[in-house]
Structure formats: structure tokens, C-alpha cells
PDB file of all heavy atoms in Angstrom:
ATOM      1  N   LYS A   1     -14.491  -8.681 -60.016  1.00  0.00           N
ATOM      2  CA  LYS A   1     -15.532  -9.704 -59.985  1.00  0.00           C
ATOM      3  C   LYS A   1     -16.143  -9.910 -61.362  1.00  0.00           C
ATOM      4  O   LYS A   1     -16.382 -11.048 -61.789  1.00  0.00           O
ATOM      5  CB  LYS A   1     -16.622  -9.313 -58.983  1.00  0.00           C
ATOM      6  CG  LYS A   1     -17.726 -10.367 -58.841  1.00  0.00           C
ATOM      7  CD  LYS A   1     -18.732  -9.973 -57.787  1.00  0.00           C
ATOM      8  CE  LYS A   1     -19.817 -11.048 -57.656  1.00  0.00           C
ATOM      9  NZ  LYS A   1     -20.820 -10.672 -56.631  1.00  0.00           N
ATOM     10  N   ALA A   2     -16.374  -8.822 -62.078  1.00  0.00           N
ATOM     11  CA  ALA A   2     -16.950  -8.940 -63.419  1.00  0.00           C
ATOM     12  C   ALA A   2     -16.009  -9.696 -64.360  1.00  0.00           C
ATOM     13  O   ALA A   2     -16.460 -10.440 -65.233  1.00  0.00           O
ATOM     14  CB  ALA A   2     -17.252  -7.551 -63.975  1.00  0.00           C
ATOM     15  N   ALA A   3     -14.696  -9.532 -64.159  1.00  0.00           N
ATOM     16  CA  ALA A   3     -13.725 -10.182 -65.040  1.00  0.00           C
ATOM     17  C   ALA A   3     -13.438 -11.623 -64.640  1.00  0.00           C
ATOM     18  O   ALA A   3     -13.283 -12.494 -65.495  1.00  0.00           O
ATOM     19  CB  ALA A   3     -12.422  -9.392 -65.043  1.00  0.00           C
ATOM     20  N   ALA A   4     -13.356 -11.875 -63.330  1.00  0.00           N
ATOM     21  CA  ALA A   4     -12.904 -13.185 -62.839  1.00  0.00           C
ATOM     22  C   ALA A   4     -14.037 -14.064 -62.311  1.00  0.00           C
ATOM     23  O   ALA A   4     -13.803 -15.231 -62.011  1.00  0.00           O
ATOM     24  CB  ALA A   4     -11.848 -12.994 -61.754  1.00  0.00           C
ATOM     25  N   GLY A   5     -15.237 -13.494 -62.149  1.00  0.00           N
ATOM     26  CA  GLY A   5     -16.376 -14.278 -61.679  1.00  0.00           C
ATOM     27  C   GLY A   5     -16.602 -14.220 -60.191  1.00  0.00           C
ATOM     28  O   GLY A   5     -17.709 -14.496 -59.718  1.00  0.00           O
ATOM     29  N   SER A   6     -15.578 -13.858 -59.432  1.00  0.00           N
ATOM     30  CA  SER A   6     -15.727 -13.747 -57.979  1.00  0.00           C
ATOM     31  C   SER A   6     -14.613 -12.866 -57.447  1.00  0.00           C
ATOM     32  O   SER A   6     -13.587 -12.651 -58.108  1.00  0.00           O
ATOM     33  CB  SER A   6     -15.676 -15.121 -57.305  1.00  0.00           C
ATOM     34  OG  SER A   6     -14.423 -15.741 -57.542  1.00  0.00           O
ATOM     35  N   VAL A   7     -14.808 -12.347 -56.228  1.00  0.00           N
ATOM     36  CA  VAL A   7     -13.781 -11.552 -55.577  1.00  0.00           C
ATOM     37  C   VAL A   7     -14.040 -11.550 -54.084  1.00  0.00           C
ATOM     38  O   VAL A   7     -15.196 -11.638 -53.644  1.00  0.00           O
ATOM     39  CB  VAL A   7     -13.749 -10.100 -56.123  1.00  0.00           C
ATOM     40  CG1 VAL A   7     -14.978  -9.310 -55.669  1.00  0.00           C
ATOM     41  CG2 VAL A   7     -12.473  -9.378 -55.699  1.00  0.00           C
ATOM     42  N   VAL A   8     -12.964 -11.505 -53.308  1.00  0.00           N
ATOM     43  CA  VAL A   8     -13.043 -11.392 -51.856  1.00  0.00           C
ATOM     44  C   VAL A   8     -12.253 -10.149 -51.463  1.00  0.00           C
ATOM     45  O   VAL A   8     -11.162  -9.907 -51.998  1.00  0.00           O
ATOM     46  CB  VAL A   8     -12.436 -12.629 -51.160  1.00  0.00           C
ATOM     47  CG1 VAL A   8     -12.404 -12.447 -49.647  1.00  0.00           C
ATOM     48  CG2 VAL A   8     -13.219 -13.886 -51.535  1.00  0.00           C
ATOM     49  N   ILE A   9     -12.797  -9.350 -50.558  1.00  0.00           N
ATOM     50  CA  ILE A   9     -12.057  -8.203 -50.033  1.00  0.00           C
ATOM     51  C   ILE A   9     -11.471  -8.608 -48.685  1.00  0.00           C
ATOM     52  O   ILE A   9     -12.203  -8.930 -47.751  1.00  0.00           O
ATOM     53  CB  ILE A   9     -12.952  -6.966 -49.888  1.00  0.00           C
ATOM     54  CG1 ILE A   9     -13.530  -6.575 -51.251  1.00  0.00           C
ATOM     55  CG2 ILE A   9     -12.158  -5.794 -49.303  1.00  0.00           C
ATOM     56  CD1 ILE A   9     -14.470  -5.393 -51.203  1.00  0.00           C
ATOM     57  N   ASP A  10     -10.167  -8.622 -48.601  1.00  0.00           N
ATOM     58  CA  ASP A  10      -9.491  -9.054 -47.377  1.00  0.00           C
ATOM     59  C   ASP A  10      -9.763  -8.073 -46.241  1.00  0.00           C
ATOM     60  O   ASP A  10      -9.866  -6.862 -46.466  1.00  0.00           O
ATOM     61  CB  ASP A  10      -7.988  -9.144 -47.627  1.00  0.00           C
ATOM     62  CG  ASP A  10      -7.268  -9.931 -46.552  1.00  0.00           C
ATOM     63  OD1 ASP A  10      -6.977  -9.342 -45.486  1.00  0.00           O
ATOM     64  OD2 ASP A  10      -6.991 -11.115 -46.773  1.00  0.00           O
ATOM     65  N   PRO A  11      -9.877  -8.565 -44.995  1.00  0.00           N
ATOM     66  CA  PRO A  11     -10.085  -7.662 -43.855  1.00  0.00           C
ATOM     67  C   PRO A  11      -9.023  -6.583 -43.705  1.00  0.00           C
ATOM     68  O   PRO A  11      -9.293  -5.520 -43.138  1.00  0.00           O
ATOM     69  CB  PRO A  11     -10.079  -8.614 -42.655  1.00  0.00           C
ATOM     70  CG  PRO A  11     -10.523  -9.929 -43.195  1.00  0.00           C
ATOM     71  CD  PRO A  11      -9.963  -9.989 -44.587  1.00  0.00           C
ATOM     72  N   VAL A  12      -7.794  -6.802 -44.233  1.00  0.00           N
ATOM     73  CA  VAL A  12      -6.742  -5.794 -44.081  1.00  0.00           C
ATOM     74  C   VAL A  12      -7.068  -4.502 -44.832  1.00  0.00           C
ATOM     75  O   VAL A  12      -6.455  -3.471 -44.573  1.00  0.00           O
ATOM     76  CB  VAL A  12      -5.357  -6.306 -44.543  1.00  0.00           C
ATOM     77  CG1 VAL A  12      -4.903  -7.465 -43.689  1.00  0.00           C
ATOM     78  CG2 VAL A  12      -5.357  -6.661 -46.020  1.00  0.00           C
ATOM     79  N   VAL A  13      -8.039  -4.534 -45.727  1.00  0.00           N
ATOM     80  CA  VAL A  13      -8.458  -3.317 -46.414  1.00  0.00           C
ATOM     81  C   VAL A  13      -9.085  -2.339 -45.429  1.00  0.00           C
ATOM     82  O   VAL A  13      -8.954  -1.121 -45.576  1.00  0.00           O
ATOM     83  CB  VAL A  13      -9.440  -3.648 -47.554  1.00  0.00           C
ATOM     84  CG1 VAL A  13     -10.117  -2.387 -48.103  1.00  0.00           C
ATOM     85  CG2 VAL A  13      -8.708  -4.390 -48.668  1.00  0.00           C
ATOM     86  N   TYR A  14      -9.749  -2.875 -44.391  1.00  0.00           N
ATOM     87  CA  TYR A  14     -10.501  -2.041 -43.455  1.00  0.00           C
ATOM     88  C   TYR A  14      -9.861  -1.923 -42.078  1.00  0.00           C
ATOM     89  O   TYR A  14     -10.228  -1.036 -41.314  1.00  0.00           O
ATOM     90  CB  TYR A  14     -11.909  -2.622 -43.257  1.00  0.00           C
ATOM     91  CG  TYR A  14     -12.718  -2.713 -44.509  1.00  0.00           C
ATOM     92  CD1 TYR A  14     -12.843  -3.920 -45.188  1.00  0.00           C
ATOM     93  CD2 TYR A  14     -13.371  -1.596 -45.024  1.00  0.00           C
ATOM     94  CE1 TYR A  14     -13.605  -4.007 -46.347  1.00  0.00           C
ATOM     95  CE2 TYR A  14     -14.137  -1.678 -46.181  1.00  0.00           C
ATOM     96  CZ  TYR A  14     -14.236  -2.884 -46.835  1.00  0.00           C
ATOM     97  OH  TYR A  14     -14.979  -2.959 -47.979  1.00  0.00           O
ATOM     98  N   GLN A  15      -8.955  -2.810 -41.747  1.00  0.00           N
ATOM     99  CA  GLN A  15      -8.455  -2.824 -40.373  1.00  0.00           C
ATOM    100  C   GLN A  15      -6.968  -3.119 -40.318  1.00  0.00           C
ATOM    101  O   GLN A  15      -6.385  -3.661 -41.266  1.00  0.00           O
ATOM    102  CB  GLN A  15      -9.210  -3.867 -39.546  1.00  0.00           C
ATOM    103  CG  GLN A  15      -9.024  -5.297 -40.039  1.00  0.00           C
ATOM    104  CD  GLN A  15     -10.028  -6.260 -39.443  1.00  0.00           C
ATOM    105  OE1 GLN A  15     -11.215  -5.959 -39.317  1.00  0.00           O
ATOM    106  NE2 GLN A  15      -9.564  -7.442 -39.070  1.00  0.00           N
ATOM    107  N   LYS A  16      -6.359  -2.754 -39.213  1.00  0.00           N
ATOM    108  CA  LYS A  16      -4.935  -2.961 -39.015  1.00  0.00           C
ATOM    109  C   LYS A  16      -4.654  -4.445 -38.803  1.00  0.00           C
ATOM    110  O   LYS A  16      -5.302  -5.096 -37.984  1.00  0.00           O
ATOM    111  CB  LYS A  16      -4.471  -2.174 -37.788  1.00  0.00           C
ATOM    112  CG  LYS A  16      -2.975  -2.076 -37.630  1.00  0.00           C
ATOM    113  CD  LYS A  16      -2.630  -1.124 -36.493  1.00  0.00           C
ATOM    114  CE  LYS A  16      -1.137  -0.933 -36.373  1.00  0.00           C
ATOM    115  NZ  LYS A  16      -0.790   0.037 -35.305  1.00  0.00           N
ATOM    116  N   PRO A  17      -3.693  -5.021 -39.558  1.00  0.00           N
ATOM    117  CA  PRO A  17      -3.409  -6.446 -39.393  1.00  0.00           C
ATOM    118  C   PRO A  17      -2.599  -6.727 -38.140  1.00  0.00           C
ATOM    119  O   PRO A  17      -2.050  -5.816 -37.519  1.00  0.00           O
ATOM    120  CB  PRO A  17      -2.606  -6.771 -40.653  1.00  0.00           C
ATOM    121  CG  PRO A  17      -1.907  -5.496 -40.969  1.00  0.00           C
ATOM    122  CD  PRO A  17      -2.848  -4.392 -40.586  1.00  0.00           C
ATOM    123  N   ASP A  18      -2.533  -7.981 -37.788  1.00  0.00           N
ATOM    124  CA  ASP A  18      -1.675  -8.433 -36.696  1.00  0.00           C
ATOM    125  C   ASP A  18      -0.235  -8.028 -37.014  1.00  0.00           C
ATOM    126  O   ASP A  18       0.292  -8.362 -38.080  1.00  0.00           O
ATOM    127  CB  ASP A  18      -1.784  -9.959 -36.588  1.00  0.00           C
ATOM    128  CG  ASP A  18      -0.957 -10.536 -35.446  1.00  0.00           C
ATOM    129  OD1 ASP A  18       0.007  -9.866 -34.997  1.00  0.00           O
ATOM    130  OD2 ASP A  18      -1.259 -11.655 -35.015  1.00  0.00           O
ATOM    131  N   PRO A  19       0.432  -7.298 -36.119  1.00  0.00           N
ATOM    132  CA  PRO A  19       1.798  -6.830 -36.422  1.00  0.00           C
ATOM    133  C   PRO A  19       2.793  -7.963 -36.623  1.00  0.00           C
ATOM    134  O   PRO A  19       3.845  -7.754 -37.228  1.00  0.00           O
ATOM    135  CB  PRO A  19       2.160  -5.979 -35.200  1.00  0.00           C
ATOM    136  CG  PRO A  19       1.231  -6.414 -34.117  1.00  0.00           C
ATOM    137  CD  PRO A  19      -0.023  -6.844 -34.798  1.00  0.00           C
ATOM    138  N   ASP A  20       2.483  -9.151 -36.124  1.00  0.00           N
ATOM    139  CA  ASP A  20       3.393 -10.288 -36.271  1.00  0.00           C
ATOM    140  C   ASP A  20       3.078 -11.145 -37.483  1.00  0.00           C
ATOM    141  O   ASP A  20       3.810 -12.089 -37.781  1.00  0.00           O
ATOM    142  CB  ASP A  20       3.353 -11.158 -35.017  1.00  0.00           C
ATOM    143  CG  ASP A  20       3.833 -10.413 -33.780  1.00  0.00           C
ATOM    144  OD1 ASP A  20       4.786  -9.626 -33.912  1.00  0.00           O
ATOM    145  OD2 ASP A  20       3.245 -10.615 -32.701  1.00  0.00           O
ATOM    146  N   ALA A  21       1.990 -10.832 -38.188  1.00  0.00           N
ATOM    147  CA  ALA A  21       1.579 -11.653 -39.325  1.00  0.00           C
ATOM    148  C   ALA A  21       2.240 -11.154 -40.604  1.00  0.00           C
ATOM    149  O   ALA A  21       2.323  -9.952 -40.839  1.00  0.00           O
ATOM    150  CB  ALA A  21       0.064 -11.614 -39.484  1.00  0.00           C
ATOM    151  N   PRO A  22       2.729 -12.088 -41.456  1.00  0.00           N
ATOM    152  CA  PRO A  22       3.277 -11.662 -42.750  1.00  0.00           C
ATOM    153  C   PRO A  22       2.158 -11.180 -43.665  1.00  0.00           C
ATOM    154  O   PRO A  22       1.016 -11.651 -43.568  1.00  0.00           O
ATOM    155  CB  PRO A  22       3.917 -12.947 -43.295  1.00  0.00           C
ATOM    156  CG  PRO A  22       3.170 -14.054 -42.640  1.00  0.00           C
ATOM    157  CD  PRO A  22       2.769 -13.558 -41.275  1.00  0.00           C
ATOM    158  N   VAL A  23       2.439 -10.219 -44.526  1.00  0.00           N
ATOM    159  CA  VAL A  23       1.442  -9.735 -45.480  1.00  0.00           C
ATOM    160  C   VAL A  23       2.029  -9.766 -46.879  1.00  0.00           C
ATOM    161  O   VAL A  23       3.224  -9.522 -47.067  1.00  0.00           O
ATOM    162  CB  VAL A  23       0.959  -8.311 -45.140  1.00  0.00           C
ATOM    163  CG1 VAL A  23       0.151  -8.306 -43.857  1.00  0.00           C
ATOM    164  CG2 VAL A  23       2.126  -7.344 -45.033  1.00  0.00           C
ATOM    165  N   ALA A  24       1.186 -10.063 -47.868  1.00  0.00           N
ATOM    166  CA  ALA A  24       1.658 -10.237 -49.239  1.00  0.00           C
ATOM    167  C   ALA A  24       1.613  -8.955 -50.047  1.00  0.00           C
ATOM    168  O   ALA A  24       2.026  -8.939 -51.196  1.00  0.00           O
ATOM    169  CB  ALA A  24       0.822 -11.317 -49.934  1.00  0.00           C
ATOM    170  N   SER A  25       1.109  -7.877 -49.444  1.00  0.00           N
ATOM    171  CA  SER A  25       0.965  -6.625 -50.179  1.00  0.00           C
ATOM    172  C   SER A  25       1.623  -5.481 -49.433  1.00  0.00           C
ATOM    173  O   SER A  25       1.530  -5.401 -48.203  1.00  0.00           O
ATOM    174  CB  SER A  25      -0.513  -6.296 -50.379  1.00  0.00           C
ATOM    175  OG  SER A  25      -0.689  -4.988 -50.879  1.00  0.00           O
ATOM    176  N   PRO A  26       2.267  -4.556 -50.159  1.00  0.00           N
ATOM    177  CA  PRO A  26       2.704  -3.311 -49.519  1.00  0.00           C
ATOM    178  C   PRO A  26       1.495  -2.458 -49.157  1.00  0.00           C
ATOM    179  O   PRO A  26       0.385  -2.689 -49.631  1.00  0.00           O
ATOM    180  CB  PRO A  26       3.554  -2.638 -50.602  1.00  0.00           C
ATOM    181  CG  PRO A  26       3.046  -3.197 -51.886  1.00  0.00           C
ATOM    182  CD  PRO A  26       2.604  -4.598 -51.579  1.00  0.00           C
ATOM    183  N   GLY A  27       1.723  -1.475 -48.292  1.00  0.00           N
ATOM    184  CA  GLY A  27       0.643  -0.562 -47.937  1.00  0.00           C
ATOM    185  C   GLY A  27      -0.341  -1.131 -46.955  1.00  0.00           C
ATOM    186  O   GLY A  27      -1.450  -0.626 -46.817  1.00  0.00           O
ATOM    187  N   VAL A  28       0.040  -2.183 -46.244  1.00  0.00           N
ATOM    188  CA  VAL A  28      -0.903  -2.875 -45.359  1.00  0.00           C
ATOM    189  C   VAL A  28      -0.422  -2.889 -43.912  1.00  0.00           C
ATOM    190  O   VAL A  28      -1.135  -2.486 -43.000  1.00  0.00           O
ATOM    191  CB  VAL A  28      -1.151  -4.322 -45.849  1.00  0.00           C
ATOM    192  CG1 VAL A  28      -1.945  -5.114 -44.824  1.00  0.00           C
ATOM    193  CG2 VAL A  28      -1.871  -4.317 -47.194  1.00  0.00           C
ATOM    194  N   LYS A  29       0.814  -3.353 -43.700  1.00  0.00           N
ATOM    195  CA  LYS A  29       1.249  -3.674 -42.342  1.00  0.00           C
ATOM    196  C   LYS A  29       1.774  -2.479 -41.570  1.00  0.00           C
ATOM    197  O   LYS A  29       1.480  -2.319 -40.387  1.00  0.00           O
ATOM    198  CB  LYS A  29       2.320  -4.770 -42.408  1.00  0.00           C
ATOM    199  CG  LYS A  29       2.775  -5.281 -41.052  1.00  0.00           C
ATOM    200  CD  LYS A  29       3.709  -6.455 -41.220  1.00  0.00           C
ATOM    201  CE  LYS A  29       4.138  -7.018 -39.879  1.00  0.00           C
ATOM    202  NZ  LYS A  29       5.029  -8.184 -40.024  1.00  0.00           N
ATOM    203  N   HIS A  30       2.552  -1.634 -42.211  1.00  0.00           N
ATOM    204  CA  HIS A  30       3.257  -0.563 -41.511  1.00  0.00           C
ATOM    205  C   HIS A  30       2.535   0.773 -41.677  1.00  0.00           C
ATOM    206  O   HIS A  30       1.608   0.913 -42.471  1.00  0.00           O
ATOM    207  CB  HIS A  30       4.698  -0.476 -42.015  1.00  0.00           C
ATOM    208  CG  HIS A  30       5.477  -1.743 -41.782  1.00  0.00           C
ATOM    209  ND1 HIS A  30       6.026  -2.047 -40.558  1.00  0.00           N
ATOM    210  CD2 HIS A  30       5.746  -2.785 -42.600  1.00  0.00           C
ATOM    211  CE1 HIS A  30       6.633  -3.225 -40.640  1.00  0.00           C
ATOM    212  NE2 HIS A  30       6.482  -3.696 -41.863  1.00  0.00           N
ATOM    213  N   THR A  31       2.988   1.770 -40.922  1.00  0.00           N
ATOM    214  CA  THR A  31       2.432   3.119 -41.042  1.00  0.00           C
ATOM    215  C   THR A  31       2.642   3.633 -42.457  1.00  0.00           C
ATOM    216  O   THR A  31       3.740   3.546 -43.006  1.00  0.00           O
ATOM    217  CB  THR A  31       3.120   4.072 -40.047  1.00  0.00           C
ATOM    218  OG1 THR A  31       2.883   3.582 -38.718  1.00  0.00           O
ATOM    219  CG2 THR A  31       2.554   5.471 -40.177  1.00  0.00           C
ATOM    220  N   HIS A  32       1.575   4.169 -43.047  1.00  0.00           N
ATOM    221  CA  HIS A  32       1.650   4.628 -44.432  1.00  0.00           C
ATOM    222  C   HIS A  32       0.883   5.924 -44.613  1.00  0.00           C
ATOM    223  O   HIS A  32      -0.096   6.190 -43.901  1.00  0.00           O
ATOM    224  CB  HIS A  32       1.064   3.577 -45.381  1.00  0.00           C
ATOM    225  CG  HIS A  32       1.949   2.397 -45.601  1.00  0.00           C
ATOM    226  ND1 HIS A  32       2.972   2.386 -46.523  1.00  0.00           N
ATOM    227  CD2 HIS A  32       1.962   1.189 -45.008  1.00  0.00           C
ATOM    228  CE1 HIS A  32       3.581   1.214 -46.484  1.00  0.00           C
ATOM    229  NE2 HIS A  32       2.989   0.467 -45.585  1.00  0.00           N
ATOM    230  N   TYR A  33       1.338   6.714 -45.578  1.00  0.00           N
ATOM    231  CA  TYR A  33       0.570   7.838 -46.122  1.00  0.00           C
ATOM    232  C   TYR A  33       0.376   8.994 -45.145  1.00  0.00           C
ATOM    233  O   TYR A  33      -0.404   9.901 -45.402  1.00  0.00           O
ATOM    234  CB  TYR A  33      -0.817   7.377 -46.610  1.00  0.00           C
ATOM    235  CG  TYR A  33      -0.842   6.031 -47.271  1.00  0.00           C
ATOM    236  CD1 TYR A  33      -1.641   4.996 -46.812  1.00  0.00           C
ATOM    237  CD2 TYR A  33      -0.033   5.780 -48.381  1.00  0.00           C
ATOM    238  CE1 TYR A  33      -1.660   3.749 -47.434  1.00  0.00           C
ATOM    239  CE2 TYR A  33      -0.046   4.542 -49.013  1.00  0.00           C
ATOM    240  CZ  TYR A  33      -0.860   3.539 -48.522  1.00  0.00           C
ATOM    241  OH  TYR A  33      -0.867   2.310 -49.144  1.00  0.00           O
ATOM    242  N   ALA A  34       1.053   9.005 -44.013  1.00  0.00           N
ATOM    243  CA  ALA A  34       0.706   9.921 -42.932  1.00  0.00           C
ATOM    244  C   ALA A  34       1.405  11.275 -43.067  1.00  0.00           C
ATOM    245  O   ALA A  34       2.621  11.335 -43.268  1.00  0.00           O
ATOM    246  CB  ALA A  34       1.058   9.299 -41.587  1.00  0.00           C
ATOM    247  N   PRO A  35       0.652  12.366 -42.907  1.00  0.00           N
ATOM    248  CA  PRO A  35       1.278  13.680 -42.753  1.00  0.00           C
ATOM    249  C   PRO A  35       1.806  13.825 -41.333  1.00  0.00           C
ATOM    250  O   PRO A  35       1.676  12.913 -40.502  1.00  0.00           O
ATOM    251  CB  PRO A  35       0.115  14.641 -43.023  1.00  0.00           C
ATOM    252  CG  PRO A  35      -1.077  13.901 -42.511  1.00  0.00           C
ATOM    253  CD  PRO A  35      -0.814  12.441 -42.814  1.00  0.00           C
ATOM    254  N   LYS A  36       2.374  14.973 -41.027  1.00  0.00           N
ATOM    255  CA  LYS A  36       2.884  15.204 -39.676  1.00  0.00           C
ATOM    256  C   LYS A  36       1.754  15.406 -38.670  1.00  0.00           C
ATOM    257  O   LYS A  36       1.905  15.135 -37.480  1.00  0.00           O
ATOM    258  CB  LYS A  36       3.814  16.421 -39.688  1.00  0.00           C
ATOM    259  CG  LYS A  36       5.066  16.206 -40.526  1.00  0.00           C
ATOM    260  CD  LYS A  36       5.888  17.473 -40.675  1.00  0.00           C
ATOM    261  CE  LYS A  36       7.077  17.251 -41.601  1.00  0.00           C
ATOM    262  NZ  LYS A  36       7.822  18.502 -41.869  1.00  0.00           N
TER     263      LYS A  36
END
């Protein structure tokens, strides 16, 4: 925000996205980072 003047935090940062929706970023849609 300081560099570009504005910023939006997408809801996918906090919640699981619709499994049928395309996403533009890795680390969002599928299971990630999980131990056993």
C-alpha cells in the first residue's frame, strides 16, 4: 500500500476458496503445508 497507494487483501488469504473456482496464485486452492 505504501508503494502503490492502495491494496486489497483477497478473501482467499483467510478462507478456503470455492473448489470449482480458478485461482491465479499457488498455495490457495489445494491442500498445502500439512504435516501428517
